[in-house]
Amino acid sequence: MEPVTTAAPLHASSAKVAAALAAAGIPGEVRRLADSARTAAEAAAALGCEIGAIANSLVFVSDGEPVLVLTSGRHRVDTAALAARWGRGPLRRATPEQVREATGQVIGGVAPTGHPRPLPTVVDQALSDYPRVWAAAGTPHTVFPTTAEELLRLTGGTVLPVGP
């Protein structure tokens, strides 16, 4: 099932994401879903794609600053292994308040872009297994199609495996 789009204006968070995509020359259009895409499973069901093609945007705190991990929905982040590979201190999940402060977005709708300032970012190597991936666009009901390469360019991130 393809996402539903409407002529209604985008939520302010999604509009920021759309503007950031346009500024970066990323062609993916922000689309509004009829159903929630708060989790990777919900997003995959709403989009009719494999769960691994969902790019989850997870915010952690490391070395006293928020960091972003874009991970394939097919697995969990191994925080100890990722911190070691990335050369950072321990990663701990950010609180909802820290996520909102760092991204301007709510958990379940965090996009890879459109934040008040860029965050150090890792793009999961597993996302490159899919020709098209879907990322949240600022709310739990908005997404955009992209690729792992575009996510890397958009975020200035580093490609690393995020699993064990």
Protein backbone atom coordinates (compact mmCIF):
# COMPACT_ATOMS: atom_id res chain seq x y z
CA MET A 1 0.00 0.00 0.00
CA GLU A 2 1.37 3.44 -0.97
CA PRO A 3 1.18 6.23 1.59
CA VAL A 4 -1.72 8.64 1.50
CA THR A 5 -0.94 12.27 0.75
CA THR A 6 -3.32 15.19 1.09
CA ALA A 7 -3.30 18.79 -0.03
CA ALA A 8 -3.35 19.96 3.59
CA PRO A 9 -0.22 21.82 4.71
CA LEU A 10 2.50 19.80 6.40
CA HIS A 11 3.03 19.96 10.16
CA ALA A 12 5.81 22.47 11.00
CA SER A 13 8.29 19.66 11.82
CA SER A 14 7.59 17.92 8.50
CA ALA A 15 7.87 21.22 6.62
CA LYS A 16 11.39 21.66 8.07
CA VAL A 17 12.27 18.15 6.90
CA ALA A 18 10.90 18.86 3.41
CA ALA A 19 12.91 22.09 3.24
CA ALA A 20 16.10 20.30 4.36
CA LEU A 21 15.56 17.58 1.73
CA ALA A 22 15.05 20.18 -1.00
CA ALA A 23 18.13 22.16 0.11
CA ALA A 24 20.23 18.98 -0.05
CA GLY A 25 18.87 18.03 -3.47
CA ILE A 26 17.23 14.87 -2.11
CA PRO A 27 14.22 14.08 -4.35
CA GLY A 28 12.14 12.15 -1.78
CA GLU A 29 8.83 13.86 -1.10
CA VAL A 30 7.36 13.97 2.41
CA ARG A 31 4.21 11.86 2.47
CA ARG A 32 1.46 11.73 5.05
CA LEU A 33 0.31 8.24 6.11
CA ALA A 34 -3.23 7.31 7.02
CA ASP A 35 -1.87 5.07 9.79
CA SER A 36 0.79 5.72 12.45
CA ALA A 37 4.39 4.90 11.66
CA ARG A 38 5.61 5.36 15.24
CA THR A 39 7.43 1.99 15.15
CA ALA A 40 9.32 0.23 12.37
CA ALA A 41 6.66 -2.51 12.30
CA GLU A 42 3.85 0.05 11.94
CA ALA A 43 5.73 1.90 9.21
CA ALA A 44 6.51 -1.29 7.27
CA ALA A 45 2.86 -2.37 7.47
CA ALA A 46 1.61 1.04 6.34
CA LEU A 47 4.10 1.18 3.45
CA GLY A 48 3.93 -2.49 2.42
CA CYS A 49 7.69 -2.96 2.64
CA GLU A 50 10.16 -5.09 4.58
CA ILE A 51 10.81 -3.94 8.14
CA GLY A 52 14.52 -3.71 7.30
CA ALA A 53 13.78 -0.96 4.77
CA ILE A 54 12.62 1.33 7.58
CA ALA A 55 15.37 3.72 8.71
CA ASN A 56 14.74 4.30 12.41
CA SER A 57 16.12 7.58 13.75
CA LEU A 58 17.27 6.92 17.32
CA VAL A 59 18.78 9.58 19.56
CA PHE A 60 21.39 8.63 22.13
CA VAL A 61 23.62 10.66 24.42
CA SER A 62 27.37 10.06 24.23
CA ASP A 63 30.23 12.11 25.60
CA GLY A 64 27.73 14.67 26.87
CA GLU A 65 26.06 15.36 23.52
CA PRO A 66 23.10 14.00 21.56
CA VAL A 67 23.96 11.71 18.65
CA LEU A 68 21.76 10.17 15.97
CA VAL A 69 21.79 6.54 14.87
CA LEU A 70 19.89 5.68 11.68
CA THR A 71 19.31 1.96 11.96
CA SER A 72 17.54 -0.62 9.84
CA GLY A 73 14.27 -1.72 11.42
CA ARG A 74 15.42 -5.34 11.12
CA HIS A 75 17.61 -5.23 14.22
CA ARG A 76 18.48 -3.46 17.45
CA VAL A 77 21.47 -1.25 18.12
CA ASP A 78 24.25 -2.89 20.12
CA THR A 79 25.25 0.26 22.00
CA ALA A 80 28.52 -1.09 23.40
CA ALA A 81 29.72 -2.43 20.04
CA LEU A 82 28.65 0.72 18.20
CA ALA A 83 30.34 3.06 20.70
CA ALA A 84 33.58 1.09 20.29
CA ARG A 85 33.38 1.11 16.46
CA TRP A 86 32.52 4.81 16.43
CA GLY A 87 35.25 5.71 18.90
CA ARG A 88 32.83 7.35 21.33
CA GLY A 89 32.03 6.97 24.99
CA PRO A 90 29.06 4.86 26.13
CA LEU A 91 25.75 5.40 24.32
CA ARG A 92 22.59 5.72 26.40
CA ARG A 93 19.09 6.31 25.06
CA ALA A 94 18.05 9.95 25.22
CA THR A 95 14.97 10.84 27.25
CA PRO A 96 11.91 12.12 25.36
CA GLU A 97 12.82 15.63 26.52
CA GLN A 98 16.39 15.28 25.25
CA VAL A 99 15.11 13.97 21.90
CA ARG A 100 12.74 16.94 21.54
CA GLU A 101 15.49 19.41 22.52
CA ALA A 102 18.06 17.91 20.12
CA THR A 103 15.75 17.40 17.13
CA GLY A 104 12.66 19.56 17.62
CA GLN A 105 10.70 16.36 16.93
CA VAL A 106 8.89 13.73 18.99
CA ILE A 107 9.89 10.10 19.47
CA GLY A 108 8.18 8.03 16.80
CA GLY A 109 8.55 10.78 14.21
CA VAL A 110 12.23 11.76 14.45
CA ALA A 111 13.63 12.44 11.01
CA PRO A 112 17.29 12.25 9.99
CA THR A 113 17.20 16.00 9.27
CA GLY A 114 15.30 19.18 10.03
CA HIS A 115 16.90 19.55 13.46
CA PRO A 116 17.93 22.84 15.10
CA ARG A 117 21.58 21.85 14.47
CA PRO A 118 23.30 18.86 12.85
CA LEU A 119 23.94 15.87 15.11
CA PRO A 120 26.88 13.44 14.90
CA THR A 121 25.28 10.57 12.98
CA VAL A 122 25.82 6.93 12.15
CA VAL A 123 24.03 5.38 9.18
CA ASP A 124 23.54 1.63 9.63
CA GLN A 125 25.48 -0.33 7.02
CA ALA A 126 22.44 -2.68 6.72
CA LEU A 127 20.35 0.10 5.13
CA SER A 128 22.48 -0.24 1.98
CA ASP A 129 20.91 -3.68 1.45
CA TYR A 130 17.72 -1.95 0.25
CA PRO A 131 17.35 0.08 -2.97
CA ARG A 132 14.78 2.29 -1.26
CA VAL A 133 14.36 2.96 2.44
CA TRP A 134 11.77 4.99 4.31
CA ALA A 135 12.54 7.49 7.06
CA ALA A 136 10.28 9.45 9.38
CA ALA A 137 9.65 13.04 8.36
CA GLY A 138 9.13 14.84 11.67
CA THR A 139 5.86 13.29 12.91
CA PRO A 140 4.58 9.72 13.49
CA HIS A 141 2.37 10.11 10.39
CA THR A 142 4.90 11.40 7.85
CA VAL A 143 7.70 9.62 5.97
CA PHE A 144 9.89 10.09 2.92
CA PRO A 145 11.57 7.64 0.53
CA THR A 146 15.35 7.77 0.26
CA THR A 147 18.48 5.62 0.00
CA ALA A 148 21.31 4.83 2.39
CA GLU A 149 23.62 6.93 0.21
CA GLU A 150 21.27 9.92 0.38
CA LEU A 151 20.98 9.55 4.17
CA LEU A 152 24.75 9.60 4.41
CA ARG A 153 24.98 12.73 2.28
CA LEU A 154 22.07 14.41 4.06
CA THR A 155 23.46 13.86 7.56
CA GLY A 156 27.22 13.95 6.93
CA GLY A 157 27.19 10.70 8.88
CA THR A 158 29.48 7.71 9.13
CA VAL A 159 28.53 4.26 7.81
CA LEU A 160 28.97 1.56 10.45
CA PRO A 161 27.33 -1.72 11.39
CA VAL A 162 25.14 -1.00 14.43
CA GLY A 163 24.38 -4.59 15.46
CA PRO A 164 26.60 -7.02 17.36
